[in-house]
Amino acid sequence: MTRRTHYLGPLTDSSRWDAVTLRPDDVIVVTPPKCGTTWMQTIVALLLSGDPEVETELSIRMPWIDIRFRDIAEVTARLDAMPHRRSTKSHTPLDGLPLDDRAQYVCVFRHPLDVHVSFRKHVRNIPVPWFDDWYPQDDRAGLTFRHFLEGTPDGYDCDAVPLAHILRHYEAARALAGRPNVALFHYADMTRDLSGTFERVAALLGTPHPAPLMARLAGVATFDNMKRNAARYAPSGGKGFMRSDSDFFHRGTHGQWRGVLTDEELAAYDALMDARLTPQDRDWLENGAGRAALG
């Protein structure tokens, strides 16, 4: 068996996957945070059920295995008791997960700068004080973006989404993209063509539905509908965990970093990206297949 990389942070621990017994038809949504995880989980829930009114209740029915807030014995007992096809989520790169040739791994990526801007908003909406040093309220020194570019010690690289962690996710997924059970999606492509995304995910999962039903399912998963019904679609929605369920769905756009970062910050980002990725890989990671086909 291939040795897995151990990713450990204040919030997450990839070794929790050791307690999970995979089933041949499991669907695992694997993403860096704020890349469209909830969106893809909702798409998977809709396609597996074929029901536009399905109660997604993602944190319970499609749990985040890595998160240390929930007792892993309770999580695995709940998973083992599920009689239907299961789906889970992970913010751990693929090289830290158990890989089963019979399970399906659905990876979603987003422009790293959009991830950064979205996460900056997200940490203000959740009661997790560990992020205060990474994302200070008074950031006149530009610490937030420096942390994004440089990372910090003490495990926060696993939880606070620095650029290095996004690139680690991408490189790990890219290395396995030739497998028939590993699929890469991009947030920008999902935004451009949601119906096409549904068709592609349905083909991967083997869950075809008649065209009229597919159109109804896609209508449920639009950004506007999910934001309008945030208590239903946000993780732990309606339970008071977040300060605002609606704010979890911030803008849902591609390119929201424009006008937020300085020229100097963008130049530093460009230098790091050019040093780590080929022009083709950088174009796909930032823009999706709408501008560059992933070979």
Protein backbone atom coordinates (compact mmCIF):
# COMPACT_ATOMS: atom_id res chain seq x y z
CA MET A 1 0.00 0.00 0.00
CA THR A 2 1.27 3.49 -0.87
CA ARG A 3 2.29 5.47 2.19
CA ARG A 4 -0.01 8.46 2.69
CA THR A 5 1.18 11.94 3.58
CA HIS A 6 -0.06 13.04 7.01
CA TYR A 7 -1.64 16.50 7.03
CA LEU A 8 -2.21 17.87 10.52
CA GLY A 9 -3.53 21.28 11.53
CA PRO A 10 -5.39 22.82 14.46
CA LEU A 11 -8.73 22.02 12.79
CA THR A 12 -7.98 18.99 10.65
CA ASP A 13 -6.19 15.66 10.77
CA SER A 14 -5.93 13.44 7.70
CA SER A 15 -5.23 10.36 9.85
CA ARG A 16 -8.94 10.31 10.73
CA TRP A 17 -9.41 8.59 7.36
CA ASP A 18 -7.77 5.50 8.90
CA ALA A 19 -11.05 4.84 10.69
CA VAL A 20 -13.17 4.98 7.52
CA THR A 21 -13.98 1.77 5.65
CA LEU A 22 -14.53 2.75 2.02
CA ARG A 23 -17.24 1.20 -0.09
CA PRO A 24 -16.82 0.51 -3.82
CA ASP A 25 -19.33 3.18 -4.84
CA ASP A 26 -18.29 5.94 -2.42
CA VAL A 27 -18.01 9.48 -3.79
CA ILE A 28 -15.38 11.70 -2.15
CA VAL A 29 -15.37 15.43 -2.91
CA VAL A 30 -11.79 16.66 -2.48
CA THR A 31 -10.99 20.38 -2.57
CA PRO A 32 -9.03 23.15 -0.94
CA PRO A 33 -11.46 25.27 1.14
CA LYS A 34 -13.65 27.83 -0.64
CA CYS A 35 -13.22 26.20 -4.05
CA GLY A 36 -16.82 25.08 -4.51
CA THR A 37 -16.93 22.19 -2.05
CA THR A 38 -20.50 22.81 -0.91
CA TRP A 39 -21.58 23.46 -4.48
CA MET A 40 -20.16 20.15 -5.72
CA GLN A 41 -21.54 18.26 -2.72
CA THR A 42 -24.98 19.65 -3.50
CA ILE A 43 -24.64 18.59 -7.13
CA VAL A 44 -23.65 15.08 -6.01
CA ALA A 45 -26.57 14.90 -3.54
CA LEU A 46 -29.04 15.98 -6.21
CA LEU A 47 -27.73 13.49 -8.76
CA LEU A 48 -27.55 10.55 -6.34
CA SER A 49 -31.12 11.14 -5.21
CA GLY A 50 -32.68 12.45 -8.41
CA ASP A 51 -34.81 14.61 -6.11
CA PRO A 52 -34.81 18.43 -6.41
CA GLU A 53 -36.20 18.60 -2.85
CA VAL A 54 -33.60 16.31 -1.27
CA GLU A 55 -32.50 17.38 2.21
CA THR A 56 -28.76 17.75 1.72
CA GLU A 57 -27.81 18.40 5.40
CA LEU A 58 -24.20 18.13 4.26
CA SER A 59 -22.41 18.13 7.62
CA ILE A 60 -24.39 15.03 8.70
CA ARG A 61 -25.24 13.16 5.51
CA MET A 62 -22.03 13.94 3.60
CA PRO A 63 -19.53 14.57 6.43
CA TRP A 64 -16.17 16.29 6.39
CA ILE A 65 -13.95 13.47 7.61
CA ASP A 66 -10.81 15.55 8.32
CA ILE A 67 -12.41 17.98 10.77
CA ARG A 68 -11.50 17.29 14.38
CA PHE A 69 -14.63 18.87 15.89
CA ARG A 70 -16.69 15.67 15.51
CA ASP A 71 -15.94 12.40 17.26
CA ILE A 72 -14.59 10.09 14.54
CA ALA A 73 -16.24 7.02 16.08
CA GLU A 74 -19.63 8.75 15.81
CA VAL A 75 -18.89 9.79 12.22
CA THR A 76 -17.85 6.32 11.09
CA ALA A 77 -20.78 4.68 12.87
CA ARG A 78 -23.12 7.03 11.03
CA LEU A 79 -21.42 6.29 7.72
CA ASP A 80 -21.46 2.52 8.29
CA ALA A 81 -25.20 2.65 9.03
CA MET A 82 -26.06 4.39 5.75
CA PRO A 83 -27.89 1.93 3.48
CA HIS A 84 -27.61 4.17 0.40
CA ARG A 85 -24.69 5.29 -1.72
CA ARG A 86 -22.47 7.54 0.37
CA SER A 87 -20.56 10.73 -0.26
CA THR A 88 -18.04 12.51 1.97
CA LYS A 89 -15.79 15.54 1.70
CA SER A 90 -12.16 16.29 2.41
CA HIS A 91 -9.89 19.32 2.39
CA THR A 92 -6.84 17.03 2.42
CA PRO A 93 -4.76 16.67 -0.78
CA LEU A 94 -5.24 13.36 -2.54
CA ASP A 95 -1.87 12.02 -1.41
CA GLY A 96 -3.17 12.13 2.16
CA LEU A 97 -6.34 10.12 1.45
CA PRO A 98 -6.90 6.36 1.12
CA LEU A 99 -7.13 5.67 -2.61
CA ASP A 100 -9.52 2.92 -3.68
CA ASP A 101 -9.78 2.15 -7.39
CA ARG A 102 -13.50 1.52 -6.97
CA ALA A 103 -14.38 4.80 -5.24
CA GLN A 104 -14.87 8.08 -7.14
CA TYR A 105 -12.76 11.15 -6.27
CA VAL A 106 -14.17 14.48 -7.44
CA CYS A 107 -11.62 17.32 -7.12
CA VAL A 108 -12.60 20.98 -7.48
CA PHE A 109 -10.25 23.93 -7.90
CA ARG A 110 -10.58 27.70 -8.14
CA HIS A 111 -8.36 30.67 -8.94
CA PRO A 112 -6.05 30.84 -5.90
CA LEU A 113 -6.63 34.56 -5.47
CA ASP A 114 -10.40 34.04 -5.44
CA VAL A 115 -9.88 31.35 -2.79
CA HIS A 116 -7.86 33.79 -0.71
CA VAL A 117 -10.39 36.62 -0.95
CA SER A 118 -13.30 34.28 -0.25
CA PHE A 119 -11.58 32.74 2.77
CA ARG A 120 -10.80 36.18 4.18
CA LYS A 121 -14.55 36.80 4.21
CA HIS A 122 -15.32 33.33 5.52
CA VAL A 123 -13.19 33.59 8.67
CA ARG A 124 -15.16 36.67 9.73
CA ASN A 125 -18.33 34.58 9.56
CA ILE A 126 -17.24 31.64 11.74
CA PRO A 127 -16.45 31.54 15.49
CA VAL A 128 -12.94 30.11 15.11
CA PRO A 129 -10.44 32.39 16.90
CA TRP A 130 -7.41 30.42 15.67
CA PHE A 131 -7.51 32.41 12.44
CA ASP A 132 -7.19 35.81 14.13
CA ASP A 133 -3.40 35.94 13.72
CA TRP A 134 -3.63 34.94 10.06
CA TYR A 135 -6.43 37.36 9.24
CA PRO A 136 -6.12 40.35 11.62
CA GLN A 137 -8.92 42.90 11.68
CA ASP A 138 -6.40 45.72 11.33
CA ASP A 139 -4.24 44.60 8.42
CA ARG A 140 -2.45 47.80 7.44
CA ALA A 141 0.82 45.85 7.35
CA GLY A 142 -0.57 43.46 4.73
CA LEU A 143 0.00 40.39 6.92
CA THR A 144 -2.97 38.48 5.53
CA PHE A 145 -1.62 38.32 2.01
CA ARG A 146 1.94 37.71 3.21
CA HIS A 147 0.68 34.69 5.13
CA PHE A 148 -1.12 33.52 1.98
CA LEU A 149 2.10 33.71 -0.04
CA GLU A 150 4.56 32.50 2.60
CA GLY A 151 2.57 30.29 4.97
CA THR A 152 3.46 29.95 8.63
CA PRO A 153 4.58 27.13 10.95
CA ASP A 154 2.49 25.32 13.56
CA GLY A 155 0.19 23.46 11.19
CA TYR A 156 -1.89 26.37 9.94
CA ASP A 157 -0.81 25.63 6.37
CA CYS A 158 -3.31 22.75 6.46
CA ASP A 159 -6.21 24.89 7.62
CA ALA A 160 -5.75 28.51 6.56
CA VAL A 161 -5.37 27.95 2.79
CA PRO A 162 -2.02 29.48 1.90
CA LEU A 163 -0.94 29.33 -1.72
CA ALA A 164 1.42 26.42 -1.03
CA HIS A 165 -1.44 24.26 0.21
CA ILE A 166 -3.59 25.03 -2.85
CA LEU A 167 -0.68 24.10 -5.10
CA ARG A 168 -0.09 20.91 -3.11
CA HIS A 169 -3.74 19.96 -3.68
CA TYR A 170 -3.43 20.67 -7.38
CA GLU A 171 -0.15 18.81 -7.86
CA ALA A 172 -1.45 15.76 -5.97
CA ALA A 173 -4.67 15.68 -8.02
CA ARG A 174 -2.84 16.37 -11.28
CA ALA A 175 -0.54 13.41 -10.63
CA LEU A 176 -3.58 11.10 -10.39
CA ALA A 177 -5.75 12.72 -13.07
CA GLY A 178 -5.10 9.83 -15.45
CA ARG A 179 -7.05 7.44 -13.27
CA PRO A 180 -10.63 6.81 -14.40
CA ASN A 181 -11.94 7.40 -10.87
CA VAL A 182 -10.22 10.81 -10.36
CA ALA A 183 -11.86 13.84 -11.98
CA LEU A 184 -10.81 17.49 -11.86
CA PHE A 185 -13.36 20.31 -12.05
CA HIS A 186 -12.91 24.07 -11.98
CA TYR A 187 -15.14 26.63 -10.29
CA ALA A 188 -15.00 28.93 -13.32
CA ASP A 189 -16.21 26.14 -15.63
CA MET A 190 -19.02 25.32 -13.21
CA THR A 191 -20.01 28.99 -13.25
CA ARG A 192 -19.89 29.15 -17.06
CA ASP A 193 -21.78 25.92 -17.70
CA LEU A 194 -23.68 24.47 -14.73
CA SER A 195 -25.80 22.19 -16.92
CA GLY A 196 -22.66 20.79 -18.52
CA THR A 197 -21.19 20.23 -15.07
CA PHE A 198 -24.28 18.23 -14.09
CA GLU A 199 -23.95 16.12 -17.23
CA ARG A 200 -20.28 15.41 -16.56
CA VAL A 201 -20.77 14.53 -12.89
CA ALA A 202 -23.76 12.32 -13.77
CA ALA A 203 -21.62 10.43 -16.27
CA LEU A 204 -18.87 9.93 -13.69
CA LEU A 205 -21.29 8.67 -11.04
CA GLY A 206 -23.41 6.62 -13.41
CA THR A 207 -26.54 8.54 -12.42
CA PRO A 208 -28.27 9.62 -15.64
CA HIS A 209 -31.66 11.33 -15.41
CA PRO A 210 -34.11 12.49 -18.08
CA ALA A 211 -33.33 15.92 -19.52
CA PRO A 212 -36.29 17.72 -17.86
CA LEU A 213 -35.26 16.41 -14.44
CA MET A 214 -31.60 17.32 -15.06
CA ALA A 215 -32.71 20.87 -15.82
CA ARG A 216 -34.68 21.00 -12.56
CA LEU A 217 -31.73 19.67 -10.57
CA ALA A 218 -29.40 22.24 -12.12
CA GLY A 219 -31.89 24.99 -11.29
CA VAL A 220 -31.73 24.04 -7.62
CA ALA A 221 -27.93 24.29 -7.58
CA THR A 222 -27.60 27.83 -8.92
CA PHE A 223 -25.67 30.22 -6.71
CA ASP A 224 -28.67 32.52 -6.31
CA ASN A 225 -30.96 29.69 -5.17
CA MET A 226 -28.44 28.30 -2.71
CA LYS A 227 -27.76 31.75 -1.24
CA ARG A 228 -31.49 32.49 -1.06
CA ASN A 229 -32.00 29.21 0.82
CA ALA A 230 -28.74 29.31 2.77
CA ALA A 231 -30.16 27.77 5.93
CA ARG A 232 -30.80 24.66 3.87
CA TYR A 233 -27.66 24.52 1.72
CA ALA A 234 -24.85 25.99 3.83
CA PRO A 235 -22.86 23.48 5.92
CA SER A 236 -24.56 23.25 9.32
CA GLY A 237 -27.06 25.77 7.98
CA GLY A 238 -29.89 26.75 10.28
CA LYS A 239 -27.98 25.61 13.38
CA GLY A 240 -26.39 28.92 14.35
CA PHE A 241 -22.81 27.85 13.73
CA MET A 242 -22.09 30.70 11.33
CA ARG A 243 -22.89 34.30 12.05
CA SER A 244 -24.78 34.39 8.76
CA ASP A 245 -25.69 31.36 6.66
CA SER A 246 -26.31 33.64 3.70
CA ASP A 247 -22.85 35.18 3.94
CA PHE A 248 -21.34 31.72 3.49
CA PHE A 249 -22.34 32.20 -0.15
CA HIS A 250 -20.44 35.45 -0.54
CA ARG A 251 -20.33 36.32 -4.23
CA GLY A 252 -19.78 33.12 -6.18
CA THR A 253 -17.89 34.86 -8.96
CA HIS A 254 -14.66 34.31 -10.86
CA GLY A 255 -12.17 37.17 -10.54
CA GLN A 256 -13.43 38.74 -7.31
CA TRP A 257 -9.83 39.43 -6.27
CA ARG A 258 -9.58 42.24 -8.82
CA GLY A 259 -9.41 45.60 -7.09
CA VAL A 260 -8.68 44.00 -3.72
CA LEU A 261 -4.94 43.36 -4.00
CA THR A 262 -2.13 45.83 -4.69
CA ASP A 263 0.17 45.75 -7.71
CA GLU A 264 3.03 44.70 -5.45
CA GLU A 265 1.00 41.81 -4.01
CA LEU A 266 0.00 40.64 -7.46
CA ALA A 267 3.61 40.79 -8.68
CA ALA A 268 4.75 38.63 -5.75
CA TYR A 269 1.96 36.15 -6.47
CA ASP A 270 2.87 36.01 -10.17
CA ALA A 271 6.49 35.25 -9.35
CA LEU A 272 5.57 32.33 -7.09
CA MET A 273 3.08 30.89 -9.55
CA ASP A 274 5.51 31.09 -12.45
CA ALA A 275 8.16 29.36 -10.35
CA ARG A 276 5.87 26.44 -9.41
CA LEU A 277 3.70 25.77 -12.46
CA THR A 278 4.03 25.50 -16.20
CA PRO A 279 2.10 28.18 -18.13
CA GLN A 280 -0.50 25.55 -19.10
CA ASP A 281 -1.03 24.35 -15.54
CA ARG A 282 -1.19 27.89 -14.21
CA ASP A 283 -3.78 28.85 -16.82
CA TRP A 284 -5.98 25.88 -15.93
CA LEU A 285 -5.68 26.38 -12.17
CA GLU A 286 -6.59 30.04 -12.50
CA ASN A 287 -9.18 29.91 -15.29
CA GLY A 288 -10.32 26.35 -15.90
CA ALA A 289 -10.78 24.57 -19.20
CA GLY A 290 -12.72 27.51 -20.61
CA ARG A 291 -9.32 28.96 -21.53
CA ALA A 292 -7.04 25.95 -21.40
CA ALA A 293 -7.77 22.27 -21.89
CA LEU A 294 -6.39 19.96 -19.22
CA GLY A 295 -4.54 17.15 -20.97
